[in-house]
Amino acid sequence: MKIFRFLLVGFIFGIVLTKTEAISWYRIYEMFHFQSFHMYGVIFTAIFTGVIGIRFLKKKDIKDYKGHTIEILDKERASFRYIIGGIMFGLGWALVGCCPGPIFVLLGVGIIPILVVLVGALLGNFIYGIVKDKLPH
């Protein structure tokens, strides 16, 4: 029964991504060419919602689904690894036309070629898992 609430949140997230057109390759193309404010509005709304959520979590004694207290660590200063990681993420997002969240939404609406992107994302995570101990952290 506990998994039901996670599935429900996932379905709601998918509906929101679909209705806001955040899964649209054309909308992402517009964003990276600075032709439309649409996706920036979606992203800024997500940031605003996240800031409010984090403030709420810090003020209240909210527990996770296992009953443990949620701890939010102080933010680490931006370093070279975050800059490189951000550039790699942005390039992948621009080349593929979606970030990791919408991959499953696109599968759900029947866009089968996104399986290539999913396999690439899983392969990239697998390779990172193998080499992460050799990388500077």
Protein backbone atom coordinates (compact mmCIF):
# COMPACT_ATOMS: atom_id res chain seq x y z
CA MET A 1 0.00 0.00 0.00
CA LYS A 2 2.93 2.37 0.67
CA ILE A 3 4.06 2.08 -2.95
CA PHE A 4 0.67 3.42 -4.07
CA ARG A 5 1.47 6.95 -2.89
CA PHE A 6 4.76 6.93 -4.81
CA LEU A 7 2.98 5.74 -7.94
CA LEU A 8 0.33 8.42 -7.44
CA VAL A 9 2.97 11.16 -7.15
CA GLY A 10 4.68 9.77 -10.27
CA PHE A 11 1.43 9.81 -12.24
CA ILE A 12 0.68 13.37 -11.11
CA PHE A 13 4.24 14.41 -12.06
CA GLY A 14 3.76 12.84 -15.50
CA ILE A 15 0.45 14.63 -16.00
CA VAL A 16 1.98 17.97 -14.97
CA LEU A 17 4.93 17.47 -17.35
CA THR A 18 2.55 16.57 -20.18
CA LYS A 19 0.09 19.42 -19.58
CA THR A 20 2.85 22.03 -19.26
CA GLU A 21 4.41 20.70 -22.49
CA ALA A 22 7.70 20.13 -20.65
CA ILE A 23 8.05 16.84 -22.56
CA SER A 24 7.79 18.59 -25.92
CA TRP A 25 11.00 18.50 -27.94
CA TYR A 26 9.84 21.66 -29.72
CA ARG A 27 9.44 23.54 -26.41
CA ILE A 28 12.93 22.49 -25.33
CA TYR A 29 14.30 23.51 -28.73
CA GLU A 30 12.67 26.93 -28.27
CA MET A 31 14.19 27.26 -24.81
CA PHE A 32 17.75 26.52 -25.93
CA HIS A 33 17.37 29.02 -28.77
CA PHE A 34 15.89 31.67 -26.43
CA GLN A 35 12.78 31.90 -28.62
CA SER A 36 10.15 31.43 -25.91
CA PHE A 37 9.72 32.01 -22.19
CA HIS A 38 7.48 28.93 -21.79
CA MET A 39 10.06 26.44 -20.49
CA TYR A 40 11.80 29.07 -18.38
CA GLY A 41 8.43 29.72 -16.74
CA VAL A 42 8.04 26.00 -16.01
CA ILE A 43 11.59 25.78 -14.61
CA PHE A 44 11.20 28.93 -12.47
CA THR A 45 7.89 27.60 -11.12
CA ALA A 46 9.63 24.33 -10.19
CA ILE A 47 12.45 26.24 -8.46
CA PHE A 48 9.96 28.41 -6.57
CA THR A 49 7.98 25.34 -5.50
CA GLY A 50 11.21 23.62 -4.41
CA VAL A 51 12.33 26.61 -2.35
CA ILE A 52 8.98 26.73 -0.55
CA GLY A 53 9.09 22.97 0.00
CA ILE A 54 12.61 23.09 1.46
CA ARG A 55 11.70 25.97 3.77
CA PHE A 56 8.65 24.03 4.94
CA LEU A 57 10.75 20.92 5.59
CA LYS A 58 13.29 22.94 7.57
CA LYS A 59 10.65 24.64 9.74
CA LYS A 60 8.53 21.56 10.51
CA ASP A 61 9.66 18.23 11.90
CA ILE A 62 8.69 16.25 8.80
CA LYS A 63 9.54 12.55 8.68
CA ASP A 64 10.32 10.49 5.58
CA TYR A 65 8.23 7.49 4.62
CA LYS A 66 10.25 5.27 6.97
CA GLY A 67 9.76 7.62 9.93
CA HIS A 68 13.27 9.12 9.92
CA THR A 69 13.79 12.85 10.32
CA ILE A 70 14.59 14.58 7.03
CA GLU A 71 17.94 16.35 7.22
CA ILE A 72 18.86 18.97 4.65
CA LEU A 73 22.59 19.65 4.57
CA ASP A 74 24.05 23.06 3.86
CA LYS A 75 24.79 23.75 0.23
CA GLU A 76 28.34 23.12 -0.94
CA ARG A 77 30.02 25.88 -2.90
CA ALA A 78 30.02 25.50 -6.65
CA SER A 79 33.16 23.73 -7.73
CA PHE A 80 34.72 22.57 -10.95
CA ARG A 81 32.92 19.22 -10.81
CA TYR A 82 29.50 20.90 -10.57
CA ILE A 83 30.29 23.16 -13.50
CA ILE A 84 31.46 20.24 -15.66
CA GLY A 85 28.49 18.12 -14.56
CA GLY A 86 26.08 20.95 -15.35
CA ILE A 87 27.59 21.46 -18.78
CA MET A 88 27.38 17.73 -19.53
CA PHE A 89 23.76 17.59 -18.33
CA GLY A 90 22.82 20.66 -20.39
CA LEU A 91 24.51 19.34 -23.52
CA GLY A 92 22.76 16.00 -23.15
CA TRP A 93 19.44 17.75 -22.57
CA ALA A 94 19.93 19.93 -25.65
CA LEU A 95 21.03 17.04 -27.89
CA VAL A 96 18.33 14.59 -26.81
CA GLY A 97 15.53 17.08 -26.25
CA CYS A 98 14.55 15.91 -22.78
CA CYS A 99 15.93 15.62 -19.29
CA PRO A 100 15.70 12.36 -17.31
CA GLY A 101 12.24 12.92 -15.76
CA PRO A 102 10.25 13.08 -19.01
CA ILE A 103 11.85 9.93 -20.44
CA PHE A 104 9.29 7.77 -18.65
CA VAL A 105 6.46 10.17 -19.44
CA LEU A 106 7.35 10.02 -23.12
CA LEU A 107 7.35 6.22 -22.93
CA GLY A 108 3.96 6.40 -21.25
CA VAL A 109 2.48 8.48 -24.07
CA GLY A 110 3.84 6.04 -26.65
CA ILE A 111 7.01 7.71 -27.95
CA ILE A 112 8.94 4.47 -28.47
CA PRO A 113 12.20 5.99 -29.88
CA ILE A 114 12.85 7.44 -26.42
CA LEU A 115 13.94 3.92 -25.46
CA VAL A 116 17.28 4.76 -27.10
CA VAL A 117 17.65 7.69 -24.69
CA LEU A 118 16.62 5.52 -21.73
CA VAL A 119 19.20 2.87 -22.63
CA GLY A 120 21.85 5.58 -23.00
CA ALA A 121 20.95 7.09 -19.61
CA LEU A 122 21.06 3.69 -17.91
CA LEU A 123 24.34 2.84 -19.62
CA GLY A 124 25.83 6.17 -18.54
CA ASN A 125 24.78 5.54 -14.94
CA PHE A 126 26.21 2.03 -15.08
CA ILE A 127 29.55 3.29 -16.41
CA TYR A 128 29.62 6.02 -13.76
CA GLY A 129 29.06 3.38 -11.08
CA ILE A 130 32.08 1.48 -12.35
CA VAL A 131 34.45 4.46 -12.55
CA LYS A 132 33.16 6.70 -9.73
CA ASP A 133 35.88 5.62 -7.30
CA LYS A 134 38.54 6.73 -9.79
CA LEU A 135 36.95 10.18 -10.32
CA PRO A 136 37.76 13.25 -8.22
CA HIS A 137 34.95 13.90 -5.74
